[in-house]
Amino acid sequence: MSVTTIDLDDDALAKAMRFSGGATKKDVVNEALREYAERHERAARRARHMEAAKEWDYEGWQQLHDAEKRETE
């Protein structure tokens, strides 16, 4: 943990405290930072997934899948 002095939007902080049920400003700010980071990590994972999806070949996968099924029959 680090100690940092920052100016906060009092109205936004009050709303966040009501919604989160956080007991302290510190709890609410830390939770907000975690949620922010997690949201951006999820967005980055989705972006990587969508980029990879551009290279998917359904027909090729279906042929491979069908061939593997025939081998196990």
PDB file of N, CA and C in Angstrom:
ATOM      1  N   MET A   1       0.840  -1.176   0.000  1.00  0.00           N
ATOM      2  CA  MET A   1       0.000   0.000   0.000  1.00  0.00           C
ATOM      3  C   MET A   1       0.882   1.235   0.000  1.00  0.00           C
ATOM      4  N   SER A   2       0.363   2.247  -0.666  1.00  0.00           N
ATOM      5  CA  SER A   2       1.075   3.519  -0.636  1.00  0.00           C
ATOM      6  C   SER A   2       0.131   4.598  -0.135  1.00  0.00           C
ATOM      7  N   VAL A   3       0.698   5.608   0.453  1.00  0.00           N
ATOM      8  CA  VAL A   3      -0.084   6.727   0.958  1.00  0.00           C
ATOM      9  C   VAL A   3      -0.012   7.824  -0.088  1.00  0.00           C
ATOM     10  N   THR A   4      -1.208   8.276  -0.529  1.00  0.00           N
ATOM     11  CA  THR A   4      -1.277   9.297  -1.555  1.00  0.00           C
ATOM     12  C   THR A   4      -2.339  10.314  -1.175  1.00  0.00           C
ATOM     13  N   THR A   5      -2.037  11.564  -1.378  1.00  0.00           N
ATOM     14  CA  THR A   5      -3.014  12.616  -1.142  1.00  0.00           C
ATOM     15  C   THR A   5      -3.576  13.037  -2.492  1.00  0.00           C
ATOM     16  N   ILE A   6      -4.911  12.936  -2.645  1.00  0.00           N
ATOM     17  CA  ILE A   6      -5.552  13.318  -3.899  1.00  0.00           C
ATOM     18  C   ILE A   6      -6.829  14.092  -3.608  1.00  0.00           C
ATOM     19  N   ASP A   7      -7.240  14.911  -4.575  1.00  0.00           N
ATOM     20  CA  ASP A   7      -8.522  15.594  -4.481  1.00  0.00           C
ATOM     21  C   ASP A   7      -9.567  14.696  -5.118  1.00  0.00           C
ATOM     22  N   LEU A   8     -10.665  14.461  -4.411  1.00  0.00           N
ATOM     23  CA  LEU A   8     -11.728  13.600  -4.901  1.00  0.00           C
ATOM     24  C   LEU A   8     -13.000  14.409  -5.113  1.00  0.00           C
ATOM     25  N   ASP A   9     -13.785  13.971  -6.069  1.00  0.00           N
ATOM     26  CA  ASP A   9     -15.106  14.556  -6.298  1.00  0.00           C
ATOM     27  C   ASP A   9     -16.000  14.071  -5.159  1.00  0.00           C
ATOM     28  N   ASP A  10     -16.374  14.973  -4.275  1.00  0.00           N
ATOM     29  CA  ASP A  10     -17.139  14.594  -3.081  1.00  0.00           C
ATOM     30  C   ASP A  10     -18.481  13.967  -3.429  1.00  0.00           C
ATOM     31  N   ASP A  11     -19.166  14.506  -4.446  1.00  0.00           N
ATOM     32  CA  ASP A  11     -20.464  13.948  -4.830  1.00  0.00           C
ATOM     33  C   ASP A  11     -20.311  12.529  -5.367  1.00  0.00           C
ATOM     34  N   ALA A  12     -19.325  12.331  -6.245  1.00  0.00           N
ATOM     35  CA  ALA A  12     -19.098  10.989  -6.802  1.00  0.00           C
ATOM     36  C   ALA A  12     -18.696  10.015  -5.708  1.00  0.00           C
ATOM     37  N   LEU A  13     -17.891  10.469  -4.779  1.00  0.00           N
ATOM     38  CA  LEU A  13     -17.473   9.602  -3.684  1.00  0.00           C
ATOM     39  C   LEU A  13     -18.664   9.227  -2.802  1.00  0.00           C
ATOM     40  N   ALA A  14     -19.521  10.201  -2.524  1.00  0.00           N
ATOM     41  CA  ALA A  14     -20.699   9.919  -1.693  1.00  0.00           C
ATOM     42  C   ALA A  14     -21.610   8.903  -2.373  1.00  0.00           C
ATOM     43  N   LYS A  15     -21.818   9.055  -3.682  1.00  0.00           N
ATOM     44  CA  LYS A  15     -22.639   8.093  -4.425  1.00  0.00           C
ATOM     45  C   LYS A  15     -22.006   6.708  -4.404  1.00  0.00           C
ATOM     46  N   ALA A  16     -20.705   6.669  -4.637  1.00  0.00           N
ATOM     47  CA  ALA A  16     -19.997   5.383  -4.639  1.00  0.00           C
ATOM     48  C   ALA A  16     -20.087   4.716  -3.277  1.00  0.00           C
ATOM     49  N   MET A  17     -19.993   5.494  -2.236  1.00  0.00           N
ATOM     50  CA  MET A  17     -20.080   4.922  -0.888  1.00  0.00           C
ATOM     51  C   MET A  17     -21.480   4.358  -0.643  1.00  0.00           C
ATOM     52  N   ARG A  18     -22.520   5.048  -1.128  1.00  0.00           N
ATOM     53  CA  ARG A  18     -23.881   4.537  -0.952  1.00  0.00           C
ATOM     54  C   ARG A  18     -24.076   3.240  -1.730  1.00  0.00           C
ATOM     55  N   PHE A  19     -23.619   3.210  -2.973  1.00  0.00           N
ATOM     56  CA  PHE A  19     -23.813   2.024  -3.809  1.00  0.00           C
ATOM     57  C   PHE A  19     -22.987   0.838  -3.333  1.00  0.00           C
ATOM     58  N   SER A  20     -21.775   1.102  -2.898  1.00  0.00           N
ATOM     59  CA  SER A  20     -20.876   0.006  -2.542  1.00  0.00           C
ATOM     60  C   SER A  20     -21.093  -0.510  -1.134  1.00  0.00           C
ATOM     61  N   GLY A  21     -21.624   0.332  -0.283  1.00  0.00           N
ATOM     62  CA  GLY A  21     -21.744  -0.063   1.110  1.00  0.00           C
ATOM     63  C   GLY A  21     -20.407  -0.036   1.825  1.00  0.00           C
ATOM     64  N   GLY A  22     -19.415   0.572   1.182  1.00  0.00           N
ATOM     65  CA  GLY A  22     -18.088   0.649   1.782  1.00  0.00           C
ATOM     66  C   GLY A  22     -18.112   1.452   3.069  1.00  0.00           C
ATOM     67  N   ALA A  23     -17.332   1.023   4.016  1.00  0.00           N
ATOM     68  CA  ALA A  23     -17.319   1.666   5.327  1.00  0.00           C
ATOM     69  C   ALA A  23     -16.473   2.935   5.325  1.00  0.00           C
ATOM     70  N   THR A  24     -15.437   2.958   4.470  1.00  0.00           N
ATOM     71  CA  THR A  24     -14.525   4.096   4.477  1.00  0.00           C
ATOM     72  C   THR A  24     -14.269   4.569   3.057  1.00  0.00           C
ATOM     73  N   LYS A  25     -13.784   5.791   2.957  1.00  0.00           N
ATOM     74  CA  LYS A  25     -13.403   6.326   1.642  1.00  0.00           C
ATOM     75  C   LYS A  25     -12.321   5.450   1.026  1.00  0.00           C
ATOM     76  N   LYS A  26     -11.401   5.034   1.847  1.00  0.00           N
ATOM     77  CA  LYS A  26     -10.300   4.184   1.374  1.00  0.00           C
ATOM     78  C   LYS A  26     -10.845   2.900   0.755  1.00  0.00           C
ATOM     79  N   ASP A  27     -11.798   2.256   1.430  1.00  0.00           N
ATOM     80  CA  ASP A  27     -12.395   1.020   0.895  1.00  0.00           C
ATOM     81  C   ASP A  27     -13.049   1.266  -0.462  1.00  0.00           C
ATOM     82  N   VAL A  28     -13.795   2.358  -0.552  1.00  0.00           N
ATOM     83  CA  VAL A  28     -14.528   2.652  -1.784  1.00  0.00           C
ATOM     84  C   VAL A  28     -13.565   2.969  -2.925  1.00  0.00           C
ATOM     85  N   VAL A  29     -12.552   3.762  -2.661  1.00  0.00           N
ATOM     86  CA  VAL A  29     -11.582   4.109  -3.709  1.00  0.00           C
ATOM     87  C   VAL A  29     -10.818   2.865  -4.150  1.00  0.00           C
ATOM     88  N   ASN A  30     -10.396   2.028  -3.220  1.00  0.00           N
ATOM     89  CA  ASN A  30      -9.672   0.811  -3.595  1.00  0.00           C
ATOM     90  C   ASN A  30     -10.550  -0.127  -4.412  1.00  0.00           C
ATOM     91  N   GLU A  31     -11.812  -0.265  -4.026  1.00  0.00           N
ATOM     92  CA  GLU A  31     -12.738  -1.115  -4.791  1.00  0.00           C
ATOM     93  C   GLU A  31     -12.949  -0.545  -6.191  1.00  0.00           C
ATOM     94  N   ALA A  32     -13.097   0.755  -6.299  1.00  0.00           N
ATOM     95  CA  ALA A  32     -13.276   1.388  -7.604  1.00  0.00           C
ATOM     96  C   ALA A  32     -12.056   1.162  -8.497  1.00  0.00           C
ATOM     97  N   LEU A  33     -10.876   1.258  -7.923  1.00  0.00           N
ATOM     98  CA  LEU A  33      -9.657   1.019  -8.698  1.00  0.00           C
ATOM     99  C   LEU A  33      -9.579  -0.431  -9.177  1.00  0.00           C
ATOM    100  N   ARG A  34      -9.948  -1.366  -8.309  1.00  0.00           N
ATOM    101  CA  ARG A  34      -9.940  -2.782  -8.701  1.00  0.00           C
ATOM    102  C   ARG A  34     -10.947  -3.037  -9.820  1.00  0.00           C
ATOM    103  N   GLU A  35     -12.153  -2.491  -9.679  1.00  0.00           N
ATOM    104  CA  GLU A  35     -13.174  -2.677 -10.714  1.00  0.00           C
ATOM    105  C   GLU A  35     -12.728  -2.072 -12.031  1.00  0.00           C
ATOM    106  N   TYR A  36     -12.128  -0.909 -11.988  1.00  0.00           N
ATOM    107  CA  TYR A  36     -11.632  -0.238 -13.189  1.00  0.00           C
ATOM    108  C   TYR A  36     -10.587  -1.110 -13.895  1.00  0.00           C
ATOM    109  N   ALA A  37      -9.631  -1.599 -13.127  1.00  0.00           N
ATOM    110  CA  ALA A  37      -8.572  -2.430 -13.709  1.00  0.00           C
ATOM    111  C   ALA A  37      -9.146  -3.721 -14.283  1.00  0.00           C
ATOM    112  N   GLU A  38     -10.062  -4.363 -13.550  1.00  0.00           N
ATOM    113  CA  GLU A  38     -10.666  -5.615 -14.034  1.00  0.00           C
ATOM    114  C   GLU A  38     -11.460  -5.387 -15.311  1.00  0.00           C
ATOM    115  N   ARG A  39     -12.202  -4.277 -15.371  1.00  0.00           N
ATOM    116  CA  ARG A  39     -12.991  -3.976 -16.569  1.00  0.00           C
ATOM    117  C   ARG A  39     -12.078  -3.823 -17.791  1.00  0.00           C
ATOM    118  N   HIS A  40     -10.973  -3.140 -17.615  1.00  0.00           N
ATOM    119  CA  HIS A  40     -10.050  -2.945 -18.737  1.00  0.00           C
ATOM    120  C   HIS A  40      -9.326  -4.243 -19.099  1.00  0.00           C
ATOM    121  N   GLU A  41      -9.030  -5.078 -18.119  1.00  0.00           N
ATOM    122  CA  GLU A  41      -8.430  -6.383 -18.412  1.00  0.00           C
ATOM    123  C   GLU A  41      -9.403  -7.243 -19.217  1.00  0.00           C
ATOM    124  N   ARG A  42     -10.693  -7.231 -18.830  1.00  0.00           N
ATOM    125  CA  ARG A  42     -11.706  -7.998 -19.584  1.00  0.00           C
ATOM    126  C   ARG A  42     -11.829  -7.480 -21.007  1.00  0.00           C
ATOM    127  N   ALA A  43     -11.811  -6.166 -21.164  1.00  0.00           N
ATOM    128  CA  ALA A  43     -11.905  -5.576 -22.503  1.00  0.00           C
ATOM    129  C   ALA A  43     -10.706  -5.985 -23.356  1.00  0.00           C
ATOM    130  N   ALA A  44      -9.526  -6.012 -22.757  1.00  0.00           N
ATOM    131  CA  ALA A  44      -8.332  -6.413 -23.493  1.00  0.00           C
ATOM    132  C   ALA A  44      -8.410  -7.881 -23.892  1.00  0.00           C
ATOM    133  N   ARG A  45      -8.922  -8.746 -22.992  1.00  0.00           N
ATOM    134  CA  ARG A  45      -9.084 -10.161 -23.336  1.00  0.00           C
ATOM    135  C   ARG A  45     -10.080 -10.341 -24.473  1.00  0.00           C
ATOM    136  N   ARG A  46     -11.194  -9.588 -24.405  1.00  0.00           N
ATOM    137  CA  ARG A  46     -12.183  -9.674 -25.495  1.00  0.00           C
ATOM    138  C   ARG A  46     -11.575  -9.223 -26.815  1.00  0.00           C
ATOM    139  N   ALA A  47     -10.789  -8.164 -26.786  1.00  0.00           N
ATOM    140  CA  ALA A  47     -10.158  -7.663 -28.005  1.00  0.00           C
ATOM    141  C   ALA A  47      -9.204  -8.712 -28.579  1.00  0.00           C
ATOM    142  N   ARG A  48      -8.418  -9.376 -27.712  1.00  0.00           N
ATOM    143  CA  ARG A  48      -7.515 -10.437 -28.194  1.00  0.00           C
ATOM    144  C   ARG A  48      -8.323 -11.592 -28.767  1.00  0.00           C
ATOM    145  N   HIS A  49      -9.421 -11.948 -28.110  1.00  0.00           N
ATOM    146  CA  HIS A  49     -10.282 -13.036 -28.575  1.00  0.00           C
ATOM    147  C   HIS A  49     -10.874 -12.690 -29.945  1.00  0.00           C
ATOM    148  N   MET A  50     -11.355 -11.474 -30.100  1.00  0.00           N
ATOM    149  CA  MET A  50     -11.939 -11.060 -31.379  1.00  0.00           C
ATOM    150  C   MET A  50     -10.875 -11.047 -32.486  1.00  0.00           C
ATOM    151  N   GLU A  51      -9.676 -10.651 -32.143  1.00  0.00           N
ATOM    152  CA  GLU A  51      -8.597 -10.655 -33.133  1.00  0.00           C
ATOM    153  C   GLU A  51      -8.286 -12.084 -33.564  1.00  0.00           C
ATOM    154  N   ALA A  52      -8.228 -12.994 -32.599  1.00  0.00           N
ATOM    155  CA  ALA A  52      -7.966 -14.400 -32.917  1.00  0.00           C
ATOM    156  C   ALA A  52      -9.115 -14.989 -33.728  1.00  0.00           C
ATOM    157  N   ALA A  53     -10.334 -14.555 -33.447  1.00  0.00           N
ATOM    158  CA  ALA A  53     -11.513 -15.094 -34.142  1.00  0.00           C
ATOM    159  C   ALA A  53     -11.479 -14.776 -35.631  1.00  0.00           C
ATOM    160  N   LYS A  54     -10.782 -13.729 -36.013  1.00  0.00           N
ATOM    161  CA  LYS A  54     -10.682 -13.385 -37.435  1.00  0.00           C
ATOM    162  C   LYS A  54      -9.999 -14.492 -38.224  1.00  0.00           C
ATOM    163  N   GLU A  55      -9.198 -15.302 -37.550  1.00  0.00           N
ATOM    164  CA  GLU A  55      -8.438 -16.355 -38.225  1.00  0.00           C
ATOM    165  C   GLU A  55      -9.103 -17.718 -38.119  1.00  0.00           C
ATOM    166  N   TRP A  56     -10.254 -17.788 -37.462  1.00  0.00           N
ATOM    167  CA  TRP A  56     -10.931 -19.065 -37.327  1.00  0.00           C
ATOM    168  C   TRP A  56     -11.444 -19.539 -38.664  1.00  0.00           C
ATOM    169  N   ASP A  57     -11.387 -20.821 -38.849  1.00  0.00           N
ATOM    170  CA  ASP A  57     -11.833 -21.438 -40.094  1.00  0.00           C
ATOM    171  C   ASP A  57     -12.833 -22.528 -39.730  1.00  0.00           C
ATOM    172  N   TYR A  58     -14.112 -22.195 -39.765  1.00  0.00           N
ATOM    173  CA  TYR A  58     -15.123 -23.143 -39.322  1.00  0.00           C
ATOM    174  C   TYR A  58     -15.140 -24.387 -40.200  1.00  0.00           C
ATOM    175  N   GLU A  59     -15.065 -24.213 -41.494  1.00  0.00           N
ATOM    176  CA  GLU A  59     -15.112 -25.372 -42.382  1.00  0.00           C
ATOM    177  C   GLU A  59     -13.931 -26.310 -42.129  1.00  0.00           C
ATOM    178  N   GLY A  60     -12.741 -25.739 -41.951  1.00  0.00           N
ATOM    179  CA  GLY A  60     -11.571 -26.553 -41.653  1.00  0.00           C
ATOM    180  C   GLY A  60     -11.716 -27.269 -40.324  1.00  0.00           C
ATOM    181  N   TRP A  61     -12.262 -26.563 -39.330  1.00  0.00           N
ATOM    182  CA  TRP A  61     -12.487 -27.195 -38.035  1.00  0.00           C
ATOM    183  C   TRP A  61     -13.496 -28.333 -38.167  1.00  0.00           C
ATOM    184  N   GLN A  62     -14.566 -28.113 -38.930  1.00  0.00           N
ATOM    185  CA  GLN A  62     -15.607 -29.127 -39.091  1.00  0.00           C
ATOM    186  C   GLN A  62     -15.033 -30.380 -39.763  1.00  0.00           C
ATOM    187  N   GLN A  63     -14.188 -30.197 -40.766  1.00  0.00           N
ATOM    188  CA  GLN A  63     -13.563 -31.345 -41.433  1.00  0.00           C
ATOM    189  C   GLN A  63     -12.682 -32.118 -40.462  1.00  0.00           C
ATOM    190  N   LEU A  64     -11.887 -31.413 -39.685  1.00  0.00           N
ATOM    191  CA  LEU A  64     -11.019 -32.058 -38.697  1.00  0.00           C
ATOM    192  C   LEU A  64     -11.855 -32.783 -37.654  1.00  0.00           C
ATOM    193  N   HIS A  65     -12.896 -32.156 -37.190  1.00  0.00           N
ATOM    194  CA  HIS A  65     -13.778 -32.750 -36.190  1.00  0.00           C
ATOM    195  C   HIS A  65     -14.426 -34.019 -36.742  1.00  0.00           C
ATOM    196  N   ASP A  66     -14.940 -33.942 -37.962  1.00  0.00           N
ATOM    197  CA  ASP A  66     -15.571 -35.116 -38.577  1.00  0.00           C
ATOM    198  C   ASP A  66     -14.572 -36.250 -38.748  1.00  0.00           C
ATOM    199  N   ALA A  67     -13.327 -35.917 -39.151  1.00  0.00           N
ATOM    200  CA  ALA A  67     -12.298 -36.940 -39.327  1.00  0.00           C
ATOM    201  C   ALA A  67     -11.962 -37.604 -37.995  1.00  0.00           C
ATOM    202  N   GLU A  68     -11.876 -36.801 -36.934  1.00  0.00           N
ATOM    203  CA  GLU A  68     -11.574 -37.354 -35.617  1.00  0.00           C
ATOM    204  C   GLU A  68     -12.715 -38.247 -35.135  1.00  0.00           C
ATOM    205  N   LYS A  69     -13.941 -37.871 -35.417  1.00  0.00           N
ATOM    206  CA  LYS A  69     -15.085 -38.698 -35.035  1.00  0.00           C
ATOM    207  C   LYS A  69     -15.059 -40.035 -35.763  1.00  0.00           C
ATOM    208  N   ARG A  70     -14.706 -40.013 -37.061  1.00  0.00           N
ATOM    209  CA  ARG A  70     -14.646 -41.262 -37.832  1.00  0.00           C
ATOM    210  C   ARG A  70     -13.568 -42.186 -37.276  1.00  0.00           C
ATOM    211  N   GLU A  71     -12.450 -41.613 -36.812  1.00  0.00           N
ATOM    212  CA  GLU A  71     -11.357 -42.415 -36.260  1.00  0.00           C
ATOM    213  C   GLU A  71     -11.776 -43.126 -34.975  1.00  0.00           C
ATOM    214  N   THR A  72     -12.642 -42.518 -34.198  1.00  0.00           N
ATOM    215  CA  THR A  72     -13.040 -43.113 -32.920  1.00  0.00           C
ATOM    216  C   THR A  72     -14.223 -44.082 -33.059  1.00  0.00           C
ATOM    217  N   GLU A  73     -14.834 -44.111 -34.229  1.00  0.00           N
ATOM    218  CA  GLU A  73     -15.983 -45.018 -34.427  1.00  0.00           C
ATOM    219  C   GLU A  73     -15.547 -46.421 -34.744  1.00  0.00           C
TER     220      GLU A  73
END
